[in-house]
């Protein structure tokens, strides 16, 4: 019985991780609004260690179209600027000696469609991960039957796995719909 619960809990945990990874991935996709999470993937060399920008500077959004970065150490201006330029963000930073500003331009219709496709690919990866978790759980249940678990528990477990699968697929679809709405809003 304990093994039965462990199989289901493990599968649910992997499904939850897939959804959390998708949320993180979608947060990094630029939707025409300033968001400090856009900089999360960018690392800078801070005294020999590669760290996120927010570990060596104050990162804020003073308005909906601007990200302001105020490094704590003046020597970090060039390093942060270079990291932003070399990133896949595709935006040129402005430096006035006090603050580095990143202006988020409005998205073109073509770029919005590209971003939607990118979101769709991320969502599909998450769905595949959820399906794989269900499949692995079902296989573990079949092995457990050979080791003495009753077939009734196996059938119940498969039903629970399917319910979990449906719940997490629905969550993924909701996340994708919300992000698509955000991207397509002008």
N, C-alpha and C. Protein backbone atom coordinates (compact mmCIF):
# COMPACT_ATOMS: atom_id res chain seq x y z
N UNK A 1 0.83 -1.20 0.00
CA UNK A 1 0.00 0.00 0.00
C UNK A 1 0.86 1.25 0.00
N UNK A 2 1.95 1.24 0.77
CA UNK A 2 2.84 2.40 0.83
C UNK A 2 3.48 2.65 -0.53
N UNK A 3 3.85 1.54 -1.21
CA UNK A 3 4.46 1.67 -2.53
C UNK A 3 3.48 2.30 -3.52
N UNK A 4 2.22 1.92 -3.43
CA UNK A 4 1.16 2.46 -4.28
C UNK A 4 1.09 3.98 -4.15
N UNK A 5 1.07 4.49 -2.90
CA UNK A 5 1.01 5.93 -2.63
C UNK A 5 2.27 6.63 -3.15
N UNK A 6 3.44 5.98 -2.95
CA UNK A 6 4.71 6.56 -3.40
C UNK A 6 4.72 6.76 -4.91
N UNK A 7 4.20 5.77 -5.63
CA UNK A 7 4.16 5.85 -7.10
C UNK A 7 3.30 7.05 -7.53
N UNK A 8 2.12 7.18 -6.93
CA UNK A 8 1.22 8.27 -7.29
C UNK A 8 1.81 9.63 -6.90
N UNK A 9 2.39 9.71 -5.69
CA UNK A 9 2.98 10.97 -5.23
C UNK A 9 4.16 11.39 -6.11
N UNK A 10 4.97 10.43 -6.50
CA UNK A 10 6.12 10.71 -7.36
C UNK A 10 5.66 11.24 -8.72
N UNK A 11 4.64 10.60 -9.29
CA UNK A 11 4.12 11.04 -10.59
C UNK A 11 3.54 12.45 -10.48
N UNK A 12 2.79 12.70 -9.40
CA UNK A 12 2.19 14.03 -9.24
C UNK A 12 3.27 15.10 -9.06
N UNK A 13 4.31 14.76 -8.32
CA UNK A 13 5.41 15.70 -8.10
C UNK A 13 6.07 16.07 -9.44
N UNK A 14 6.28 15.08 -10.29
CA UNK A 14 6.90 15.36 -11.60
C UNK A 14 5.98 16.20 -12.48
N UNK A 15 4.68 15.95 -12.39
CA UNK A 15 3.72 16.75 -13.16
C UNK A 15 3.73 18.19 -12.67
N UNK A 16 3.77 18.38 -11.35
CA UNK A 16 3.81 19.73 -10.76
C UNK A 16 5.07 20.46 -11.19
N UNK A 17 6.20 19.75 -11.22
CA UNK A 17 7.46 20.36 -11.64
C UNK A 17 7.39 20.81 -13.10
N UNK A 18 6.73 20.03 -13.95
CA UNK A 18 6.59 20.40 -15.36
C UNK A 18 5.80 21.71 -15.48
N UNK A 19 4.75 21.85 -14.69
CA UNK A 19 3.94 23.07 -14.72
C UNK A 19 4.74 24.26 -14.19
N UNK A 20 5.50 24.05 -13.11
CA UNK A 20 6.31 25.13 -12.54
C UNK A 20 7.39 25.58 -13.54
N UNK A 21 7.98 24.62 -14.24
CA UNK A 21 9.00 24.96 -15.24
C UNK A 21 8.36 25.78 -16.37
N UNK A 22 7.16 25.39 -16.77
CA UNK A 22 6.46 26.13 -17.82
C UNK A 22 6.17 27.56 -17.36
N UNK A 23 5.70 27.73 -16.12
CA UNK A 23 5.42 29.08 -15.60
C UNK A 23 6.68 29.94 -15.67
N UNK A 24 7.81 29.36 -15.27
CA UNK A 24 9.08 30.07 -15.29
C UNK A 24 9.48 30.44 -16.73
N UNK A 25 9.33 29.49 -17.64
CA UNK A 25 9.68 29.73 -19.04
C UNK A 25 8.81 30.82 -19.65
N UNK A 26 7.51 30.79 -19.37
CA UNK A 26 6.60 31.79 -19.92
C UNK A 26 6.88 33.17 -19.35
N UNK A 27 7.33 33.25 -18.10
CA UNK A 27 7.62 34.54 -17.48
C UNK A 27 8.80 35.22 -18.18
N UNK A 28 9.68 34.42 -18.77
CA UNK A 28 10.86 34.99 -19.45
C UNK A 28 10.57 35.43 -20.88
N UNK A 29 9.41 35.11 -21.40
CA UNK A 29 9.06 35.51 -22.76
C UNK A 29 8.51 36.92 -22.71
N UNK A 30 9.13 37.79 -23.49
CA UNK A 30 8.78 39.21 -23.46
C UNK A 30 7.43 39.43 -24.13
N UNK A 31 6.54 40.08 -23.43
CA UNK A 31 5.20 40.30 -23.97
C UNK A 31 4.88 41.78 -24.14
N UNK A 32 5.90 42.60 -24.35
CA UNK A 32 5.67 44.02 -24.59
C UNK A 32 5.59 44.85 -23.33
N UNK A 33 5.68 44.19 -22.17
CA UNK A 33 5.65 44.91 -20.90
C UNK A 33 6.97 44.68 -20.18
N UNK A 34 7.38 45.67 -19.39
CA UNK A 34 8.60 45.53 -18.60
C UNK A 34 8.35 44.54 -17.47
N UNK A 35 9.27 43.60 -17.32
CA UNK A 35 9.17 42.60 -16.26
C UNK A 35 10.59 42.23 -15.85
N UNK A 36 10.91 42.34 -14.58
CA UNK A 36 12.27 42.05 -14.12
C UNK A 36 12.67 40.59 -14.38
N UNK A 37 11.70 39.70 -14.55
CA UNK A 37 12.01 38.29 -14.84
C UNK A 37 12.67 38.12 -16.20
N UNK A 38 12.54 39.12 -17.07
CA UNK A 38 13.20 39.05 -18.38
C UNK A 38 14.71 38.92 -18.22
N UNK A 39 15.25 39.45 -17.14
CA UNK A 39 16.70 39.44 -16.93
C UNK A 39 17.18 38.22 -16.15
N UNK A 40 16.27 37.36 -15.70
CA UNK A 40 16.66 36.22 -14.86
C UNK A 40 17.67 35.29 -15.52
N UNK A 41 17.57 35.11 -16.82
CA UNK A 41 18.48 34.20 -17.51
C UNK A 41 19.84 34.78 -17.83
N UNK A 42 20.03 36.08 -17.59
CA UNK A 42 21.29 36.74 -17.94
C UNK A 42 22.23 36.70 -16.74
N UNK A 43 23.42 36.19 -16.97
CA UNK A 43 24.44 36.10 -15.91
C UNK A 43 25.57 37.08 -16.22
N UNK A 44 26.13 37.65 -15.16
CA UNK A 44 27.26 38.58 -15.31
C UNK A 44 28.42 38.10 -14.43
N UNK A 45 29.65 38.46 -14.84
CA UNK A 45 30.85 38.09 -14.09
C UNK A 45 31.03 39.10 -12.95
N UNK A 46 30.78 38.66 -11.72
CA UNK A 46 30.92 39.51 -10.55
C UNK A 46 32.07 38.99 -9.70
N UNK A 47 33.24 39.57 -9.87
CA UNK A 47 34.44 39.15 -9.14
C UNK A 47 34.71 37.66 -9.28
N UNK A 48 34.63 37.17 -10.51
CA UNK A 48 34.98 35.78 -10.78
C UNK A 48 33.82 34.80 -10.72
N UNK A 49 32.67 35.20 -10.24
CA UNK A 49 31.51 34.30 -10.15
C UNK A 49 30.43 34.79 -11.11
N UNK A 50 29.83 33.85 -11.83
CA UNK A 50 28.73 34.20 -12.74
C UNK A 50 27.44 34.22 -11.92
N UNK A 51 26.85 35.41 -11.81
CA UNK A 51 25.65 35.59 -10.99
C UNK A 51 24.56 36.29 -11.80
N UNK A 52 23.28 36.14 -11.39
CA UNK A 52 22.20 36.90 -12.05
C UNK A 52 22.39 38.40 -11.79
N UNK A 53 21.86 39.21 -12.69
CA UNK A 53 22.00 40.66 -12.57
C UNK A 53 21.45 41.16 -11.24
N UNK A 54 20.34 40.59 -10.78
CA UNK A 54 19.74 41.09 -9.53
C UNK A 54 20.57 40.78 -8.28
N UNK A 55 21.67 40.00 -8.43
CA UNK A 55 22.58 39.76 -7.31
C UNK A 55 23.64 40.83 -7.17
N UNK A 56 23.79 41.69 -8.19
CA UNK A 56 24.83 42.73 -8.11
C UNK A 56 24.26 44.12 -8.45
N UNK A 57 22.94 44.22 -8.54
CA UNK A 57 22.31 45.51 -8.87
C UNK A 57 20.85 45.49 -8.42
N UNK A 58 20.31 46.69 -8.22
CA UNK A 58 18.89 46.83 -7.92
C UNK A 58 18.14 46.89 -9.25
N UNK A 59 17.20 46.00 -9.46
CA UNK A 59 16.45 45.94 -10.72
C UNK A 59 15.00 46.31 -10.42
N UNK A 60 14.51 47.36 -11.11
CA UNK A 60 13.13 47.82 -10.88
C UNK A 60 12.45 48.11 -12.21
N UNK A 61 11.13 48.28 -12.15
CA UNK A 61 10.36 48.69 -13.33
C UNK A 61 9.64 49.99 -12.97
N UNK A 62 10.25 51.15 -13.29
CA UNK A 62 9.63 52.43 -12.94
C UNK A 62 8.31 52.68 -13.68
N UNK A 63 8.18 52.10 -14.89
CA UNK A 63 6.91 52.20 -15.62
C UNK A 63 6.72 50.94 -16.45
N UNK A 64 5.63 50.86 -17.19
CA UNK A 64 5.28 49.64 -17.90
C UNK A 64 6.22 49.30 -19.06
N UNK A 65 7.00 50.26 -19.52
CA UNK A 65 7.86 50.03 -20.68
C UNK A 65 9.36 50.15 -20.37
N UNK A 66 9.75 50.24 -19.11
CA UNK A 66 11.15 50.45 -18.76
C UNK A 66 11.59 49.55 -17.61
N UNK A 67 12.80 49.01 -17.76
CA UNK A 67 13.45 48.30 -16.66
C UNK A 67 14.67 49.13 -16.28
N UNK A 68 14.81 49.45 -15.00
CA UNK A 68 15.96 50.24 -14.53
C UNK A 68 16.87 49.33 -13.70
N UNK A 69 18.18 49.42 -14.01
CA UNK A 69 19.17 48.62 -13.30
C UNK A 69 20.17 49.57 -12.68
N UNK A 70 20.29 49.54 -11.36
CA UNK A 70 21.24 50.40 -10.66
C UNK A 70 22.29 49.52 -9.98
N UNK A 71 23.46 49.35 -10.61
CA UNK A 71 24.50 48.50 -10.03
C UNK A 71 24.98 49.06 -8.69
N UNK A 72 25.31 48.14 -7.76
CA UNK A 72 25.79 48.56 -6.46
C UNK A 72 27.25 48.99 -6.54
N UNK A 73 27.96 48.51 -7.55
CA UNK A 73 29.36 48.84 -7.74
C UNK A 73 29.50 49.48 -9.12
N UNK A 74 30.09 50.66 -9.19
CA UNK A 74 30.21 51.40 -10.46
C UNK A 74 30.97 50.59 -11.52
N UNK A 75 31.88 49.71 -11.10
CA UNK A 75 32.66 48.94 -12.07
C UNK A 75 31.79 47.91 -12.81
N UNK A 76 30.59 47.66 -12.34
CA UNK A 76 29.72 46.66 -12.95
C UNK A 76 28.91 47.19 -14.14
N UNK A 77 28.93 48.52 -14.37
CA UNK A 77 28.15 49.10 -15.47
C UNK A 77 28.46 48.42 -16.81
N UNK A 78 29.73 48.38 -17.18
CA UNK A 78 30.13 47.83 -18.49
C UNK A 78 29.82 46.34 -18.56
N UNK A 79 30.06 45.62 -17.47
CA UNK A 79 29.84 44.17 -17.46
C UNK A 79 28.35 43.85 -17.66
N UNK A 80 27.49 44.57 -16.94
CA UNK A 80 26.04 44.35 -17.06
C UNK A 80 25.56 44.74 -18.45
N UNK A 81 26.03 45.88 -18.92
CA UNK A 81 25.63 46.34 -20.25
C UNK A 81 26.02 45.32 -21.32
N UNK A 82 27.23 44.83 -21.25
CA UNK A 82 27.72 43.85 -22.23
C UNK A 82 26.90 42.56 -22.17
N UNK A 83 26.58 42.11 -20.96
CA UNK A 83 25.79 40.88 -20.80
C UNK A 83 24.40 41.04 -21.42
N UNK A 84 23.80 42.21 -21.26
CA UNK A 84 22.46 42.45 -21.84
C UNK A 84 22.55 42.48 -23.36
N UNK A 85 23.58 43.15 -23.88
CA UNK A 85 23.75 43.23 -25.34
C UNK A 85 23.96 41.84 -25.92
N UNK A 86 24.75 40.99 -25.25
CA UNK A 86 25.06 39.66 -25.76
C UNK A 86 23.95 38.64 -25.52
N UNK A 87 22.94 39.01 -24.73
CA UNK A 87 21.85 38.07 -24.44
C UNK A 87 20.89 37.98 -25.62
N UNK A 88 19.93 37.06 -25.51
CA UNK A 88 18.92 36.91 -26.56
C UNK A 88 17.72 37.83 -26.35
N UNK A 89 17.86 38.81 -25.46
CA UNK A 89 16.78 39.75 -25.17
C UNK A 89 16.47 40.62 -26.39
N UNK A 90 17.52 40.98 -27.13
CA UNK A 90 17.33 41.75 -28.36
C UNK A 90 17.01 43.21 -28.12
N UNK A 91 17.46 43.77 -27.00
CA UNK A 91 17.19 45.18 -26.68
C UNK A 91 18.50 45.84 -26.29
N UNK A 92 18.70 47.05 -26.77
CA UNK A 92 19.92 47.80 -26.46
C UNK A 92 19.71 48.61 -25.18
N UNK A 93 20.59 48.42 -24.18
CA UNK A 93 20.46 49.19 -22.94
C UNK A 93 21.00 50.61 -23.10
N UNK A 94 20.49 51.53 -22.28
CA UNK A 94 20.98 52.91 -22.26
C UNK A 94 21.63 53.15 -20.90
N UNK A 95 22.82 53.76 -20.91
CA UNK A 95 23.56 53.99 -19.67
C UNK A 95 23.80 55.48 -19.51
N UNK A 96 23.36 56.05 -18.38
CA UNK A 96 23.58 57.48 -18.14
C UNK A 96 24.61 57.71 -17.03
N UNK A 97 25.33 56.64 -16.64
CA UNK A 97 26.33 56.76 -15.59
C UNK A 97 25.79 56.48 -14.20
N UNK A 98 24.51 56.60 -14.01
CA UNK A 98 23.87 56.32 -12.73
C UNK A 98 23.02 55.04 -12.80
N UNK A 99 22.27 54.93 -13.89
CA UNK A 99 21.31 53.84 -14.05
C UNK A 99 21.39 53.32 -15.49
N UNK A 100 21.26 52.00 -15.64
CA UNK A 100 21.13 51.41 -16.97
C UNK A 100 19.63 51.22 -17.20
N UNK A 101 19.15 51.79 -18.29
CA UNK A 101 17.72 51.66 -18.61
C UNK A 101 17.55 50.76 -19.84
N UNK A 102 16.53 49.93 -19.76
CA UNK A 102 16.18 49.09 -20.90
C UNK A 102 14.75 49.45 -21.28
N UNK A 103 14.58 50.04 -22.45
CA UNK A 103 13.24 50.38 -22.93
C UNK A 103 12.65 49.20 -23.68
N UNK A 104 11.49 48.77 -23.27
CA UNK A 104 10.82 47.63 -23.91
C UNK A 104 9.94 48.17 -25.04
N UNK A 105 10.33 47.91 -26.30
CA UNK A 105 9.54 48.42 -27.42
C UNK A 105 8.22 47.66 -27.57
N UNK A 106 7.20 48.31 -28.15
CA UNK A 106 5.95 47.59 -28.40
C UNK A 106 6.21 46.49 -29.43
N UNK A 107 5.47 45.40 -29.33
CA UNK A 107 5.67 44.26 -30.23
C UNK A 107 4.95 44.47 -31.55
N UNK A 108 5.58 44.00 -32.64
CA UNK A 108 4.91 44.01 -33.95
C UNK A 108 4.00 42.79 -34.02
N UNK A 109 3.09 42.79 -34.98
CA UNK A 109 2.17 41.66 -35.13
C UNK A 109 2.94 40.38 -35.43
N UNK A 110 3.95 40.48 -36.28
CA UNK A 110 4.75 39.31 -36.64
C UNK A 110 5.48 38.75 -35.41
N UNK A 111 6.05 39.63 -34.60
CA UNK A 111 6.77 39.21 -33.40
C UNK A 111 5.80 38.56 -32.40
N UNK A 112 4.58 39.10 -32.32
CA UNK A 112 3.58 38.51 -31.41
C UNK A 112 3.28 37.06 -31.83
N UNK A 113 3.16 36.83 -33.14
CA UNK A 113 2.89 35.47 -33.62
C UNK A 113 4.06 34.54 -33.32
N UNK A 114 5.29 35.05 -33.47
CA UNK A 114 6.47 34.25 -33.15
C UNK A 114 6.48 33.87 -31.68
N UNK A 115 6.17 34.84 -30.83
CA UNK A 115 6.16 34.58 -29.39
C UNK A 115 5.07 33.57 -29.02
N UNK A 116 3.92 33.66 -29.70
CA UNK A 116 2.86 32.68 -29.45
C UNK A 116 3.31 31.27 -29.81
N UNK A 117 4.04 31.15 -30.96
CA UNK A 117 4.56 29.85 -31.36
C UNK A 117 5.55 29.33 -30.32
N UNK A 118 6.40 30.23 -29.83
CA UNK A 118 7.39 29.85 -28.82
C UNK A 118 6.68 29.36 -27.55
N UNK A 119 5.62 30.07 -27.15
CA UNK A 119 4.84 29.66 -25.98
C UNK A 119 4.21 28.28 -26.23
N UNK A 120 3.71 28.09 -27.43
CA UNK A 120 3.10 26.80 -27.78
C UNK A 120 4.09 25.66 -27.66
N UNK A 121 5.32 25.88 -28.12
CA UNK A 121 6.36 24.85 -28.02
C UNK A 121 6.69 24.54 -26.56
N UNK A 122 6.80 25.60 -25.76
CA UNK A 122 7.07 25.40 -24.33
C UNK A 122 5.93 24.61 -23.68
N UNK A 123 4.70 24.96 -24.04
CA UNK A 123 3.53 24.27 -23.49
C UNK A 123 3.50 22.81 -23.91
N UNK A 124 3.85 22.53 -25.16
CA UNK A 124 3.86 21.16 -25.64
C UNK A 124 4.91 20.32 -24.91
N UNK A 125 6.06 20.93 -24.64
CA UNK A 125 7.10 20.22 -23.87
C UNK A 125 6.58 19.87 -22.48
N UNK A 126 5.88 20.80 -21.86
CA UNK A 126 5.32 20.55 -20.53
C UNK A 126 4.28 19.43 -20.59
N UNK A 127 3.44 19.44 -21.63
CA UNK A 127 2.42 18.39 -21.77
C UNK A 127 3.07 17.02 -21.96
N UNK A 128 4.14 16.98 -22.77
CA UNK A 128 4.85 15.72 -22.98
C UNK A 128 5.42 15.21 -21.66
N UNK A 129 5.96 16.12 -20.87
CA UNK A 129 6.51 15.74 -19.58
C UNK A 129 5.42 15.17 -18.66
N UNK A 130 4.24 15.80 -18.66
CA UNK A 130 3.12 15.31 -17.85
C UNK A 130 2.69 13.92 -18.33
N UNK A 131 2.62 13.74 -19.65
CA UNK A 131 2.22 12.43 -20.20
C UNK A 131 3.25 11.36 -19.83
N UNK A 132 4.53 11.73 -19.91
CA UNK A 132 5.58 10.77 -19.56
C UNK A 132 5.47 10.37 -18.09
N UNK A 133 5.15 11.32 -17.23
CA UNK A 133 4.99 11.02 -15.80
C UNK A 133 3.84 10.03 -15.60
N UNK A 134 2.76 10.22 -16.33
CA UNK A 134 1.61 9.29 -16.23
C UNK A 134 2.02 7.91 -16.72
N UNK A 135 2.71 7.86 -17.85
CA UNK A 135 3.15 6.58 -18.41
C UNK A 135 4.09 5.85 -17.44
N UNK A 136 5.05 6.58 -16.89
CA UNK A 136 5.99 5.97 -15.93
C UNK A 136 5.25 5.45 -14.70
N UNK A 137 4.28 6.22 -14.21
CA UNK A 137 3.48 5.79 -13.07
C UNK A 137 2.71 4.51 -13.37
N UNK A 138 2.13 4.44 -14.57
CA UNK A 138 1.39 3.23 -14.96
C UNK A 138 2.32 2.02 -15.03
N UNK A 139 3.52 2.23 -15.57
CA UNK A 139 4.49 1.12 -15.66
C UNK A 139 4.91 0.65 -14.27
N UNK A 140 5.12 1.61 -13.37
CA UNK A 140 5.50 1.24 -12.00
C UNK A 140 4.37 0.47 -11.31
N UNK A 141 3.12 0.86 -11.58
CA UNK A 141 1.98 0.14 -11.01
C UNK A 141 1.93 -1.30 -11.52
N UNK A 142 2.21 -1.49 -12.83
CA UNK A 142 2.21 -2.84 -13.40
C UNK A 142 3.30 -3.70 -12.77
N UNK A 143 4.47 -3.08 -12.54
CA UNK A 143 5.56 -3.82 -11.89
C UNK A 143 5.18 -4.17 -10.45
N UNK A 144 4.48 -3.23 -9.79
CA UNK A 144 4.08 -3.47 -8.40
C UNK A 144 3.08 -4.63 -8.31
N UNK A 145 2.23 -4.82 -9.35
CA UNK A 145 1.29 -5.94 -9.36
C UNK A 145 2.06 -7.25 -9.37
N UNK A 146 3.16 -7.27 -10.16
CA UNK A 146 3.99 -8.49 -10.20
C UNK A 146 4.64 -8.75 -8.84
N UNK A 147 4.86 -7.66 -8.08
CA UNK A 147 5.48 -7.79 -6.76
C UNK A 147 4.46 -7.98 -5.63
N UNK A 148 3.18 -8.13 -5.99
CA UNK A 148 2.20 -8.44 -4.96
C UNK A 148 1.09 -7.42 -4.75
N UNK A 149 1.11 -6.30 -5.45
CA UNK A 149 0.02 -5.31 -5.32
C UNK A 149 -1.23 -5.87 -6.00
N UNK A 150 -2.40 -5.66 -5.44
CA UNK A 150 -3.61 -6.21 -6.04
C UNK A 150 -3.96 -5.44 -7.32
N UNK A 151 -4.63 -6.15 -8.23
CA UNK A 151 -5.00 -5.54 -9.51
C UNK A 151 -6.02 -4.42 -9.32
N UNK A 152 -6.82 -4.51 -8.25
CA UNK A 152 -7.77 -3.43 -7.96
C UNK A 152 -7.03 -2.13 -7.68
N UNK A 153 -5.95 -2.23 -6.90
CA UNK A 153 -5.14 -1.04 -6.62
C UNK A 153 -4.52 -0.49 -7.90
N UNK A 154 -4.10 -1.41 -8.79
CA UNK A 154 -3.51 -0.96 -10.05
C UNK A 154 -4.54 -0.16 -10.85
N UNK A 155 -5.75 -0.69 -10.97
CA UNK A 155 -6.80 0.00 -11.73
C UNK A 155 -7.14 1.35 -11.09
N UNK A 156 -7.25 1.36 -9.75
CA UNK A 156 -7.52 2.62 -9.04
C UNK A 156 -6.39 3.62 -9.28
N UNK A 157 -5.16 3.12 -9.22
CA UNK A 157 -3.99 3.98 -9.44
C UNK A 157 -3.97 4.55 -10.84
N UNK A 158 -4.29 3.73 -11.83
CA UNK A 158 -4.33 4.22 -13.21
C UNK A 158 -5.40 5.30 -13.36
N UNK A 159 -6.54 5.09 -12.70
CA UNK A 159 -7.60 6.10 -12.74
C UNK A 159 -7.16 7.41 -12.09
N UNK A 160 -6.47 7.30 -10.94
CA UNK A 160 -5.97 8.50 -10.26
C UNK A 160 -4.92 9.21 -11.10
N UNK A 161 -4.04 8.43 -11.73
CA UNK A 161 -3.01 9.03 -12.60
C UNK A 161 -3.66 9.78 -13.75
N UNK A 162 -4.73 9.20 -14.31
CA UNK A 162 -5.41 9.87 -15.42
C UNK A 162 -6.06 11.18 -14.95
N UNK A 163 -6.64 11.17 -13.75
CA UNK A 163 -7.24 12.40 -13.20
C UNK A 163 -6.17 13.47 -12.99
N UNK A 164 -5.01 13.05 -12.42
CA UNK A 164 -3.90 14.00 -12.23
C UNK A 164 -3.45 14.56 -13.57
N UNK A 165 -3.30 13.66 -14.54
CA UNK A 165 -2.87 14.07 -15.89
C UNK A 165 -3.82 15.12 -16.45
N UNK A 166 -5.12 14.85 -16.36
CA UNK A 166 -6.11 15.79 -16.89
C UNK A 166 -6.03 17.14 -16.17
N UNK A 167 -5.84 17.11 -14.85
CA UNK A 167 -5.76 18.34 -14.06
C UNK A 167 -4.57 19.19 -14.50
N UNK A 168 -3.41 18.55 -14.66
CA UNK A 168 -2.21 19.31 -15.01
C UNK A 168 -2.21 19.77 -16.48
N UNK A 169 -2.79 18.98 -17.36
CA UNK A 169 -2.93 19.41 -18.76
C UNK A 169 -3.84 20.63 -18.82
N UNK A 170 -4.91 20.64 -18.02
CA UNK A 170 -5.81 21.78 -17.97
C UNK A 170 -5.08 23.02 -17.46
N UNK A 171 -4.23 22.85 -16.41
CA UNK A 171 -3.44 23.96 -15.88
C UNK A 171 -2.52 24.54 -16.96
N UNK A 172 -1.89 23.65 -17.71
CA UNK A 172 -0.98 24.08 -18.78
C UNK A 172 -1.76 24.87 -19.83
N UNK A 173 -2.92 24.37 -20.22
CA UNK A 173 -3.74 25.07 -21.21
C UNK A 173 -4.15 26.46 -20.70
N UNK A 174 -4.48 26.55 -19.40
CA UNK A 174 -4.86 27.85 -18.83
C UNK A 174 -3.69 28.82 -18.84
N UNK A 175 -2.49 28.33 -18.49
CA UNK A 175 -1.30 29.18 -18.51
C UNK A 175 -1.02 29.69 -19.92
N UNK A 176 -1.13 28.79 -20.91
CA UNK A 176 -0.87 29.18 -22.29
C UNK A 176 -1.90 30.19 -22.78
N UNK A 177 -3.16 29.99 -22.42
CA UNK A 177 -4.21 30.93 -22.84
C UNK A 177 -3.97 32.31 -22.24
N UNK A 178 -3.58 32.35 -20.95
CA UNK A 178 -3.31 33.65 -20.31
C UNK A 178 -2.13 34.35 -20.96
N UNK A 179 -1.07 33.59 -21.27
CA UNK A 179 0.12 34.20 -21.88
C UNK A 179 -0.20 34.67 -23.30
N UNK A 180 -0.99 33.89 -24.04
CA UNK A 180 -1.37 34.28 -25.39
C UNK A 180 -2.18 35.57 -25.36
N UNK A 181 -3.08 35.67 -24.39
CA UNK A 181 -3.89 36.89 -24.25
C UNK A 181 -2.98 38.08 -23.94
N UNK A 182 -2.00 37.87 -23.03
CA UNK A 182 -1.06 38.93 -22.67
C UNK A 182 -0.24 39.38 -23.88
N UNK A 183 0.21 38.42 -24.69
CA UNK A 183 1.03 38.75 -25.85
C UNK A 183 0.22 39.47 -26.91
N UNK A 184 -1.00 39.03 -27.13
CA UNK A 184 -1.81 39.59 -28.22
C UNK A 184 -2.48 40.92 -27.84
N UNK A 185 -2.47 41.28 -26.56
CA UNK A 185 -3.04 42.55 -26.14
C UNK A 185 -2.10 43.68 -26.55
N UNK A 186 -2.66 44.63 -27.31
CA UNK A 186 -1.83 45.74 -27.80
C UNK A 186 -1.85 46.87 -26.79
